[in-house]
Amino acid sequence: MWIDSHCHLDSPEFDVDRDEVVAASRAAGVEAIVNLPGHVDHFARALASRERYGCLTGFGIHPMWVAGPSAQSPRDHIAILRSWVEREKPDLIGEIGLDFYISDVNQSEQEWFFSEQLKVAREFDLPVSLHVRRSQDVILKHLRRIRVRSGFAHAFNGSSQQAMEFVRLGFCLGFGGTATFPQARRIRSLLRDVPLSSVVLETDAPDLPPSFLGAMSSTRRNSPEYLPAIGELLARERGELPAAFAAATTSNVRRVLGAD
């Protein structure tokens, strides 16, 4: 059995067939989906998915809602986040982090939101799911300053040295569809080198589709039902048996979330 450690099941792309997607995922061997909204207006939908499908659920404010063309999160949203966390008791805080790739980066505002959300995670002793795009060292700076229990570094694409520092701080690194492409040499090298105890699998559905969706995969909807196929490819890359890889990565997710 597999766990999708990073999914956006409440995205509009799934509005027409969400029930069918979850059913297909379960039939494929996905035992749980970690569902991660990125805006306070999406928290209620995430809660509904927890109640309907048994999703593991996070609440967080994504950096792309803080900076860039989609910026729609004023600072009082931190208080709203805190109230949801206190009332609904999510499994983690996320998706949060920093994104220095987008246009209109507004780094200072992103860092403020990230720091405040780490404080919420620390207050409620929750792990975090991190968005880490061209921001590894700054993320690490904040994690050293505001220590949280543990978490996941989603779609990790940093250096080996940065990867080991996240591991040292108690984080697992997320690998998914991107690592299925032969040309993703650095990510595949990291996948081989990171200790198995620090590897988790993810889809980031509906985004980051795997290579086997075809030449136009960048325009195809990713789905948690593809996680076992992704996992089998990544197990092969590491030289692991798929069943053992599934068991280990599933155990890693449960350990981080305190759900062993």
Protein backbone atom coordinates (compact mmCIF):
# COMPACT_ATOMS: atom_id res chain seq x y z
CA MET A 1 0.00 0.00 0.00
CA TRP A 2 1.09 3.57 -0.75
CA ILE A 3 0.47 7.04 0.70
CA ASP A 4 0.37 10.18 -1.44
CA SER A 5 2.15 12.64 0.84
CA HIS A 6 1.26 15.74 -1.19
CA CYS A 7 -1.95 16.20 -3.17
CA HIS A 8 -4.43 18.97 -3.94
CA LEU A 9 -7.58 16.90 -4.16
CA ASP A 10 -9.77 19.97 -3.78
CA SER A 11 -8.47 21.65 -6.92
CA PRO A 12 -11.15 22.56 -9.46
CA GLU A 13 -9.63 20.05 -11.89
CA PHE A 14 -11.23 17.28 -9.78
CA ASP A 15 -14.67 18.87 -9.43
CA VAL A 16 -16.22 16.71 -12.15
CA ASP A 17 -15.03 13.31 -10.88
CA ARG A 18 -13.53 13.56 -7.38
CA ASP A 19 -15.40 10.50 -6.08
CA GLU A 20 -14.19 8.43 -9.03
CA VAL A 21 -10.59 9.63 -8.58
CA VAL A 22 -10.56 8.60 -4.93
CA ALA A 23 -12.14 5.23 -5.75
CA ALA A 24 -9.57 4.59 -8.50
CA SER A 25 -6.75 5.55 -6.14
CA ARG A 26 -7.93 3.10 -3.52
CA ALA A 27 -8.32 0.36 -6.10
CA ALA A 28 -4.73 1.01 -7.25
CA GLY A 29 -3.41 0.57 -3.71
CA VAL A 30 -3.26 4.13 -2.33
CA GLU A 31 -4.29 3.76 1.29
CA ALA A 32 -4.27 7.49 2.16
CA ILE A 33 -4.00 10.92 0.56
CA VAL A 34 -2.47 13.94 2.28
CA ASN A 35 -4.62 16.82 1.05
CA LEU A 36 -3.08 20.30 1.25
CA PRO A 37 -5.01 23.52 0.60
CA GLY A 38 -3.03 26.74 0.15
CA HIS A 39 -5.53 29.49 1.00
CA VAL A 40 -7.91 30.08 3.89
CA ASP A 41 -10.87 30.05 1.48
CA HIS A 42 -10.02 26.41 0.64
CA PHE A 43 -9.90 25.07 4.19
CA ALA A 44 -13.59 24.17 4.30
CA ARG A 45 -13.26 22.08 1.12
CA ALA A 46 -10.27 20.28 2.60
CA LEU A 47 -12.24 19.56 5.76
CA ALA A 48 -15.10 18.17 3.65
CA SER A 49 -12.64 15.84 1.90
CA ARG A 50 -11.37 14.64 5.26
CA GLU A 51 -14.92 13.81 6.29
CA ARG A 52 -15.91 12.23 2.96
CA TYR A 53 -12.74 10.38 2.00
CA GLY A 54 -10.68 10.12 5.18
CA CYS A 55 -7.90 12.30 3.79
CA LEU A 56 -5.03 13.32 6.01
CA THR A 57 -5.42 17.09 6.03
CA GLY A 58 -3.27 20.17 6.31
CA PHE A 59 -4.10 23.86 6.53
CA GLY A 60 -1.66 26.43 5.20
CA ILE A 61 -1.12 29.57 3.15
CA HIS A 62 0.89 28.86 0.00
CA PRO A 63 3.58 31.42 -0.93
CA MET A 64 1.97 31.98 -4.33
CA TRP A 65 -1.08 33.38 -2.52
CA VAL A 66 1.28 35.78 -0.74
CA ALA A 67 3.37 37.02 -3.67
CA GLY A 68 3.15 36.98 -7.44
CA PRO A 69 0.12 37.41 -9.71
CA SER A 70 -2.20 35.41 -7.39
CA ALA A 71 -1.40 37.33 -4.19
CA GLN A 72 -4.63 37.40 -2.15
CA SER A 73 -3.56 36.79 1.44
CA PRO A 74 -3.45 39.74 3.83
CA ARG A 75 -1.61 39.30 7.11
CA ASP A 76 -4.79 38.76 9.13
CA HIS A 77 -5.10 35.38 7.40
CA ILE A 78 -2.58 34.06 9.92
CA ALA A 79 -5.17 34.55 12.66
CA ILE A 80 -7.75 32.74 10.52
CA LEU A 81 -5.30 29.87 9.97
CA ARG A 82 -4.64 29.64 13.70
CA SER A 83 -8.34 29.49 14.50
CA TRP A 84 -8.89 26.66 11.99
CA VAL A 85 -5.95 24.73 13.41
CA GLU A 86 -7.17 25.15 16.98
CA ARG A 87 -10.73 24.14 16.11
CA GLU A 88 -10.29 21.39 13.51
CA LYS A 89 -6.96 19.83 14.56
CA PRO A 90 -5.35 19.07 11.17
CA ASP A 91 -2.61 16.51 10.70
CA LEU A 92 -0.06 19.09 9.59
CA ILE A 93 0.50 22.70 8.49
CA GLY A 94 0.84 23.06 4.75
CA GLU A 95 1.39 23.78 2.07
CA ILE A 96 3.66 26.59 3.26
CA GLY A 97 7.10 27.79 2.25
CA LEU A 98 8.94 30.11 -0.12
CA ASP A 99 8.96 30.45 -3.90
CA PHE A 100 11.67 32.63 -5.42
CA TYR A 101 10.92 31.51 -8.98
CA ILE A 102 7.63 33.33 -9.49
CA SER A 103 7.36 36.87 -10.82
CA ASP A 104 6.97 39.63 -8.20
CA VAL A 105 8.67 37.47 -5.57
CA ASN A 106 8.08 39.89 -2.65
CA GLN A 107 10.56 37.95 -0.56
CA SER A 108 10.05 39.85 2.68
CA GLU A 109 6.30 39.18 2.70
CA GLN A 110 6.79 35.51 1.86
CA GLU A 111 9.30 35.17 4.69
CA TRP A 112 6.93 36.86 7.14
CA PHE A 113 4.11 34.46 6.29
CA PHE A 114 6.43 31.47 6.39
CA SER A 115 7.85 32.44 9.76
CA GLU A 116 4.41 33.03 11.27
CA GLN A 117 3.12 29.69 10.01
CA LEU A 118 6.13 27.89 11.45
CA LYS A 119 5.21 29.48 14.78
CA VAL A 120 1.68 28.08 14.48
CA ALA A 121 3.12 24.63 13.72
CA ARG A 122 5.42 24.87 16.71
CA GLU A 123 2.63 26.04 19.00
CA PHE A 124 0.40 23.09 18.08
CA ASP A 125 3.30 20.61 17.72
CA LEU A 126 2.44 19.81 14.10
CA PRO A 127 4.70 18.81 11.20
CA VAL A 128 4.81 20.99 8.09
CA SER A 129 4.66 20.42 4.34
CA LEU A 130 7.12 22.75 2.63
CA HIS A 131 7.06 24.41 -0.77
CA VAL A 132 10.76 24.84 -1.55
CA ARG A 133 11.40 26.41 -4.96
CA ARG A 134 14.74 28.18 -5.43
CA SER A 135 14.64 28.96 -1.73
CA GLN A 136 16.34 26.06 0.04
CA ASP A 137 18.90 28.04 2.05
CA VAL A 138 16.41 30.66 3.22
CA ILE A 139 13.93 27.93 4.22
CA LEU A 140 16.70 26.23 6.19
CA LYS A 141 17.54 29.52 7.91
CA HIS A 142 13.97 29.80 9.20
CA LEU A 143 13.79 26.13 10.18
CA ARG A 144 16.91 26.51 12.32
CA ARG A 145 15.43 29.58 13.99
CA ILE A 146 11.90 28.23 14.51
CA ARG A 147 12.20 24.52 15.22
CA VAL A 148 9.19 22.43 14.29
CA ARG A 149 8.60 18.76 14.91
CA SER A 150 9.32 17.48 11.42
CA GLY A 151 7.77 17.52 7.98
CA PHE A 152 8.08 17.02 4.25
CA ALA A 153 10.14 19.02 1.76
CA HIS A 154 7.81 18.76 -1.22
CA ALA A 155 9.20 18.19 -4.75
CA PHE A 156 12.73 18.67 -3.48
CA ASN A 157 15.17 19.92 -6.10
CA GLY A 158 18.14 21.26 -4.16
CA SER A 159 21.71 20.11 -3.80
CA SER A 160 22.84 16.99 -2.01
CA GLN A 161 24.25 19.12 0.80
CA GLN A 162 20.94 20.96 1.21
CA ALA A 163 19.06 17.67 1.14
CA MET A 164 21.18 16.27 3.96
CA GLU A 165 20.56 19.40 6.02
CA PHE A 166 16.79 18.96 5.68
CA VAL A 167 17.23 15.33 6.71
CA ARG A 168 19.33 16.40 9.69
CA LEU A 169 16.47 18.66 10.79
CA GLY A 170 14.08 15.69 10.71
CA PHE A 171 12.48 16.21 7.30
CA CYS A 172 11.61 13.68 4.63
CA LEU A 173 12.08 14.63 0.99
CA GLY A 174 9.19 14.25 -1.44
CA PHE A 175 9.68 12.62 -4.84
CA GLY A 176 7.05 12.22 -7.52
CA GLY A 177 6.34 12.53 -11.21
CA THR A 178 9.29 14.81 -11.98
CA ALA A 179 11.72 12.06 -10.95
CA THR A 180 10.24 9.69 -13.55
CA PHE A 181 11.77 11.70 -16.41
CA PRO A 182 15.19 10.39 -17.51
CA GLN A 183 16.46 13.93 -18.02
CA ALA A 184 15.82 14.81 -14.36
CA ARG A 185 19.31 13.63 -13.50
CA ARG A 186 19.87 15.65 -10.34
CA ILE A 187 16.55 14.65 -8.81
CA ARG A 188 17.14 11.00 -9.68
CA SER A 189 20.62 11.18 -8.18
CA LEU A 190 19.17 12.61 -4.98
CA LEU A 191 16.56 9.87 -4.94
CA ARG A 192 19.31 7.25 -5.05
CA ASP A 193 21.44 8.95 -2.38
CA VAL A 194 18.90 9.99 0.27
CA PRO A 195 18.44 7.41 3.05
CA LEU A 196 15.28 5.37 2.50
CA SER A 197 14.08 6.46 5.95
CA SER A 198 13.87 10.03 4.59
CA VAL A 199 12.02 9.37 1.30
CA VAL A 200 8.29 9.91 0.79
CA LEU A 201 6.25 9.73 -2.39
CA GLU A 202 3.84 12.32 -3.74
CA THR A 203 1.89 13.29 -6.82
CA ASP A 204 1.21 17.02 -6.27
CA ALA A 205 -1.93 16.20 -8.27
CA PRO A 206 -3.28 17.73 -10.40
CA ASP A 207 0.22 19.12 -11.10
CA LEU A 208 3.63 17.54 -11.92
CA PRO A 209 2.36 14.63 -14.05
CA PRO A 210 4.70 11.66 -14.54
CA SER A 211 6.49 10.79 -17.75
CA PHE A 212 4.23 7.84 -18.58
CA LEU A 213 1.29 10.13 -19.31
CA GLY A 214 2.97 10.79 -22.65
CA ALA A 215 4.72 13.48 -24.62
CA MET A 216 2.10 16.04 -23.64
CA SER A 217 2.23 15.15 -19.95
CA SER A 218 2.75 18.79 -18.98
CA THR A 219 -0.84 19.44 -20.08
CA ARG A 220 -2.32 16.27 -18.56
CA ARG A 221 -3.98 16.10 -15.15
CA ASN A 222 -1.98 14.22 -12.56
CA SER A 223 -3.93 12.07 -10.09
CA PRO A 224 -3.25 10.17 -6.85
CA GLU A 225 -4.25 6.98 -8.65
CA TYR A 226 -0.91 7.19 -10.49
CA LEU A 227 1.14 7.05 -7.29
CA PRO A 228 1.74 3.26 -7.34
CA ALA A 229 3.03 3.42 -10.93
CA ILE A 230 5.26 6.36 -10.00
CA GLY A 231 6.44 4.46 -6.94
CA GLU A 232 7.36 1.38 -8.97
CA LEU A 233 9.49 3.48 -11.32
CA LEU A 234 11.25 5.20 -8.43
CA ALA A 235 11.79 1.91 -6.61
CA ARG A 236 13.51 0.61 -9.74
CA GLU A 237 15.70 3.73 -9.82
CA ARG A 238 16.82 3.02 -6.25
CA GLY A 239 17.21 -0.71 -6.82
CA GLU A 240 14.40 -1.51 -4.35
CA LEU A 241 11.60 -4.01 -4.56
CA PRO A 242 8.33 -2.07 -5.08
CA ALA A 243 6.59 -3.73 -2.13
CA ALA A 244 9.45 -2.90 0.23
CA PHE A 245 9.66 0.65 -1.16
CA ALA A 246 5.92 1.13 -0.67
CA ALA A 247 6.10 -0.14 2.90
CA ALA A 248 9.07 2.05 3.79
CA THR A 249 7.76 5.28 2.26
CA THR A 250 4.31 4.71 3.77
CA SER A 251 5.89 4.15 7.18
CA ASN A 252 7.88 7.39 6.76
CA VAL A 253 4.71 9.41 6.14
CA ARG A 254 2.99 7.88 9.13
CA ARG A 255 6.02 8.51 11.34
CA VAL A 256 6.19 12.20 10.40
CA LEU A 257 2.45 12.64 10.96
CA GLY A 258 2.49 10.69 14.22
CA ALA A 259 0.10 8.15 12.76
CA ASP A 260 2.14 4.96 13.25
